[in-house]
Amino acid sequence: MLPLKLLREQPDAVARALKTRGADLAALKELLALDTHRRDRLKNTEELKARRNRESEAIGAATRRGEDV
């Protein structure tokens, strides 16, 4: 099994190695596309969590000051 880091950093070298073994390169391309999609979704999720945390902190601060929220 190949590490994803290797696939991300050296996709051409991996493709050449797989080709010499007669492997299907379409699977490699699909894997890289899915990994990119997953990483994009993860980044988006982390940004939304950070926003939620900022908003929660603002609500908490307003509540401590006695403001209506």
N, C-alpha and C. Protein backbone atom coordinates (compact mmCIF):
# COMPACT_ATOMS: atom_id res chain seq x y z
N MET A 1 0.85 -1.17 0.00
CA MET A 1 0.00 0.00 0.00
C MET A 1 0.90 1.24 0.00
N LEU A 2 0.54 2.20 -0.81
CA LEU A 2 1.32 3.43 -0.94
C LEU A 2 0.73 4.52 -0.04
N PRO A 3 1.59 5.29 0.60
CA PRO A 3 1.08 6.40 1.42
C PRO A 3 0.47 7.49 0.54
N LEU A 4 -0.61 8.10 1.03
CA LEU A 4 -1.25 9.18 0.27
C LEU A 4 -0.31 10.34 0.04
N LYS A 5 0.56 10.61 0.99
CA LYS A 5 1.52 11.71 0.83
C LYS A 5 2.38 11.50 -0.41
N LEU A 6 2.82 10.30 -0.63
CA LEU A 6 3.61 9.98 -1.81
C LEU A 6 2.79 10.18 -3.08
N LEU A 7 1.55 9.74 -3.06
CA LEU A 7 0.68 9.92 -4.23
C LEU A 7 0.45 11.39 -4.54
N ARG A 8 0.28 12.20 -3.49
CA ARG A 8 0.06 13.64 -3.69
C ARG A 8 1.31 14.34 -4.20
N GLU A 9 2.46 14.01 -3.63
CA GLU A 9 3.68 14.74 -3.93
C GLU A 9 4.37 14.28 -5.21
N GLN A 10 4.19 13.01 -5.58
CA GLN A 10 4.88 12.48 -6.76
C GLN A 10 3.93 11.64 -7.62
N PRO A 11 2.83 12.24 -8.09
CA PRO A 11 1.86 11.45 -8.85
C PRO A 11 2.43 10.90 -10.16
N ASP A 12 3.32 11.65 -10.81
CA ASP A 12 3.88 11.18 -12.08
C ASP A 12 4.79 9.97 -11.86
N ALA A 13 5.60 10.01 -10.82
CA ALA A 13 6.49 8.88 -10.53
C ALA A 13 5.67 7.64 -10.17
N VAL A 14 4.62 7.84 -9.39
CA VAL A 14 3.76 6.72 -9.02
C VAL A 14 3.07 6.15 -10.26
N ALA A 15 2.61 7.03 -11.13
CA ALA A 15 1.93 6.59 -12.36
C ALA A 15 2.88 5.77 -13.23
N ARG A 16 4.13 6.23 -13.34
CA ARG A 16 5.11 5.47 -14.14
C ARG A 16 5.35 4.09 -13.53
N ALA A 17 5.47 4.05 -12.21
CA ALA A 17 5.72 2.76 -11.54
C ALA A 17 4.53 1.82 -11.72
N LEU A 18 3.33 2.37 -11.61
CA LEU A 18 2.13 1.54 -11.78
C LEU A 18 2.00 1.06 -13.22
N LYS A 19 2.37 1.93 -14.15
CA LYS A 19 2.28 1.56 -15.57
C LYS A 19 3.20 0.39 -15.89
N THR A 20 4.39 0.40 -15.30
CA THR A 20 5.33 -0.71 -15.56
C THR A 20 4.79 -2.02 -15.01
N ARG A 21 3.92 -1.92 -14.01
CA ARG A 21 3.31 -3.13 -13.43
C ARG A 21 1.99 -3.49 -14.12
N GLY A 22 1.59 -2.69 -15.08
CA GLY A 22 0.36 -2.96 -15.82
C GLY A 22 -0.90 -2.59 -15.06
N ALA A 23 -0.79 -1.70 -14.08
CA ALA A 23 -1.94 -1.30 -13.28
C ALA A 23 -2.78 -0.26 -14.03
N ASP A 24 -4.02 -0.13 -13.61
CA ASP A 24 -4.95 0.82 -14.20
C ASP A 24 -4.69 2.21 -13.63
N LEU A 25 -4.29 3.16 -14.48
CA LEU A 25 -3.98 4.50 -14.02
C LEU A 25 -5.23 5.34 -13.74
N ALA A 26 -6.36 4.91 -14.25
CA ALA A 26 -7.61 5.63 -13.99
C ALA A 26 -7.93 5.61 -12.50
N ALA A 27 -7.62 4.52 -11.84
CA ALA A 27 -7.87 4.42 -10.41
C ALA A 27 -7.01 5.43 -9.64
N LEU A 28 -5.78 5.63 -10.07
CA LEU A 28 -4.91 6.61 -9.43
C LEU A 28 -5.48 8.01 -9.61
N LYS A 29 -5.91 8.33 -10.81
CA LYS A 29 -6.48 9.66 -11.06
C LYS A 29 -7.73 9.88 -10.24
N GLU A 30 -8.58 8.86 -10.15
CA GLU A 30 -9.80 8.98 -9.36
C GLU A 30 -9.46 9.16 -7.88
N LEU A 31 -8.50 8.41 -7.39
CA LEU A 31 -8.09 8.52 -6.00
C LEU A 31 -7.58 9.93 -5.69
N LEU A 32 -6.76 10.48 -6.57
CA LEU A 32 -6.24 11.83 -6.37
C LEU A 32 -7.36 12.87 -6.40
N ALA A 33 -8.32 12.69 -7.30
CA ALA A 33 -9.45 13.61 -7.38
C ALA A 33 -10.30 13.54 -6.10
N LEU A 34 -10.55 12.33 -5.63
CA LEU A 34 -11.33 12.16 -4.40
C LEU A 34 -10.58 12.73 -3.20
N ASP A 35 -9.27 12.55 -3.16
CA ASP A 35 -8.48 13.09 -2.07
C ASP A 35 -8.53 14.61 -2.07
N THR A 36 -8.43 15.21 -3.24
CA THR A 36 -8.50 16.67 -3.35
C THR A 36 -9.86 17.16 -2.88
N HIS A 37 -10.91 16.48 -3.30
CA HIS A 37 -12.27 16.85 -2.88
C HIS A 37 -12.41 16.74 -1.36
N ARG A 38 -11.90 15.66 -0.79
CA ARG A 38 -11.98 15.43 0.64
C ARG A 38 -11.22 16.53 1.40
N ARG A 39 -10.05 16.89 0.91
CA ARG A 39 -9.25 17.92 1.57
C ARG A 39 -9.93 19.29 1.48
N ASP A 40 -10.58 19.56 0.37
CA ASP A 40 -11.33 20.82 0.23
C ASP A 40 -12.50 20.87 1.21
N ARG A 41 -13.22 19.76 1.32
CA ARG A 41 -14.35 19.69 2.25
C ARG A 41 -13.86 19.82 3.70
N LEU A 42 -12.74 19.22 4.01
CA LEU A 42 -12.18 19.30 5.35
C LEU A 42 -11.80 20.74 5.69
N LYS A 43 -11.19 21.43 4.73
CA LYS A 43 -10.82 22.83 4.93
C LYS A 43 -12.06 23.67 5.19
N ASN A 44 -13.10 23.45 4.39
CA ASN A 44 -14.35 24.18 4.55
C ASN A 44 -14.96 23.90 5.92
N THR A 45 -14.93 22.66 6.35
CA THR A 45 -15.47 22.28 7.65
C THR A 45 -14.73 22.99 8.77
N GLU A 46 -13.41 23.03 8.68
CA GLU A 46 -12.61 23.69 9.71
C GLU A 46 -12.89 25.19 9.74
N GLU A 47 -13.10 25.81 8.59
CA GLU A 47 -13.44 27.23 8.54
C GLU A 47 -14.79 27.49 9.19
N LEU A 48 -15.75 26.60 8.94
CA LEU A 48 -17.08 26.75 9.56
C LEU A 48 -17.01 26.55 11.07
N LYS A 49 -16.20 25.61 11.53
CA LYS A 49 -16.03 25.40 12.97
C LYS A 49 -15.42 26.64 13.62
N ALA A 50 -14.43 27.24 12.97
CA ALA A 50 -13.80 28.44 13.51
C ALA A 50 -14.81 29.58 13.59
N ARG A 51 -15.64 29.71 12.58
CA ARG A 51 -16.68 30.75 12.59
C ARG A 51 -17.66 30.51 13.73
N ARG A 52 -18.08 29.26 13.89
CA ARG A 52 -19.00 28.91 14.98
C ARG A 52 -18.39 29.27 16.32
N ASN A 53 -17.11 28.96 16.50
CA ASN A 53 -16.44 29.26 17.77
C ASN A 53 -16.37 30.77 18.02
N ARG A 54 -16.08 31.55 16.97
CA ARG A 54 -16.04 33.01 17.13
C ARG A 54 -17.41 33.55 17.52
N GLU A 55 -18.45 33.05 16.84
CA GLU A 55 -19.81 33.50 17.14
C GLU A 55 -20.22 33.09 18.55
N SER A 56 -19.88 31.89 18.96
CA SER A 56 -20.21 31.43 20.31
C SER A 56 -19.52 32.29 21.36
N GLU A 57 -18.28 32.65 21.10
CA GLU A 57 -17.53 33.51 22.03
C GLU A 57 -18.19 34.89 22.11
N ALA A 58 -18.62 35.42 20.98
CA ALA A 58 -19.27 36.73 20.97
C ALA A 58 -20.59 36.68 21.73
N ILE A 59 -21.33 35.61 21.57
CA ILE A 59 -22.60 35.46 22.30
C ILE A 59 -22.34 35.36 23.79
N GLY A 60 -21.34 34.57 24.15
CA GLY A 60 -20.99 34.44 25.57
C GLY A 60 -20.57 35.76 26.18
N ALA A 61 -19.76 36.53 25.45
CA ALA A 61 -19.32 37.83 25.95
C ALA A 61 -20.51 38.78 26.11
N ALA A 62 -21.42 38.78 25.14
CA ALA A 62 -22.59 39.64 25.23
C ALA A 62 -23.47 39.23 26.41
N THR A 63 -23.60 37.95 26.64
CA THR A 63 -24.40 37.46 27.76
C THR A 63 -23.77 37.89 29.08
N ARG A 64 -22.45 37.80 29.19
CA ARG A 64 -21.77 38.21 30.43
C ARG A 64 -21.92 39.69 30.69
N ARG A 65 -22.03 40.49 29.64
CA ARG A 65 -22.23 41.93 29.79
C ARG A 65 -23.70 42.28 30.07
N GLY A 66 -24.56 41.27 30.03
CA GLY A 66 -25.98 41.48 30.30
C GLY A 66 -26.79 41.93 29.11
N GLU A 67 -26.23 41.81 27.91
CA GLU A 67 -26.95 42.22 26.71
C GLU A 67 -27.91 41.12 26.26
N ASP A 68 -28.94 41.51 25.54
CA ASP A 68 -29.84 40.52 24.95
C ASP A 68 -29.15 39.89 23.74
N VAL A 69 -29.30 38.59 23.62
CA VAL A 69 -28.72 37.90 22.45
C VAL A 69 -29.78 37.17 21.70
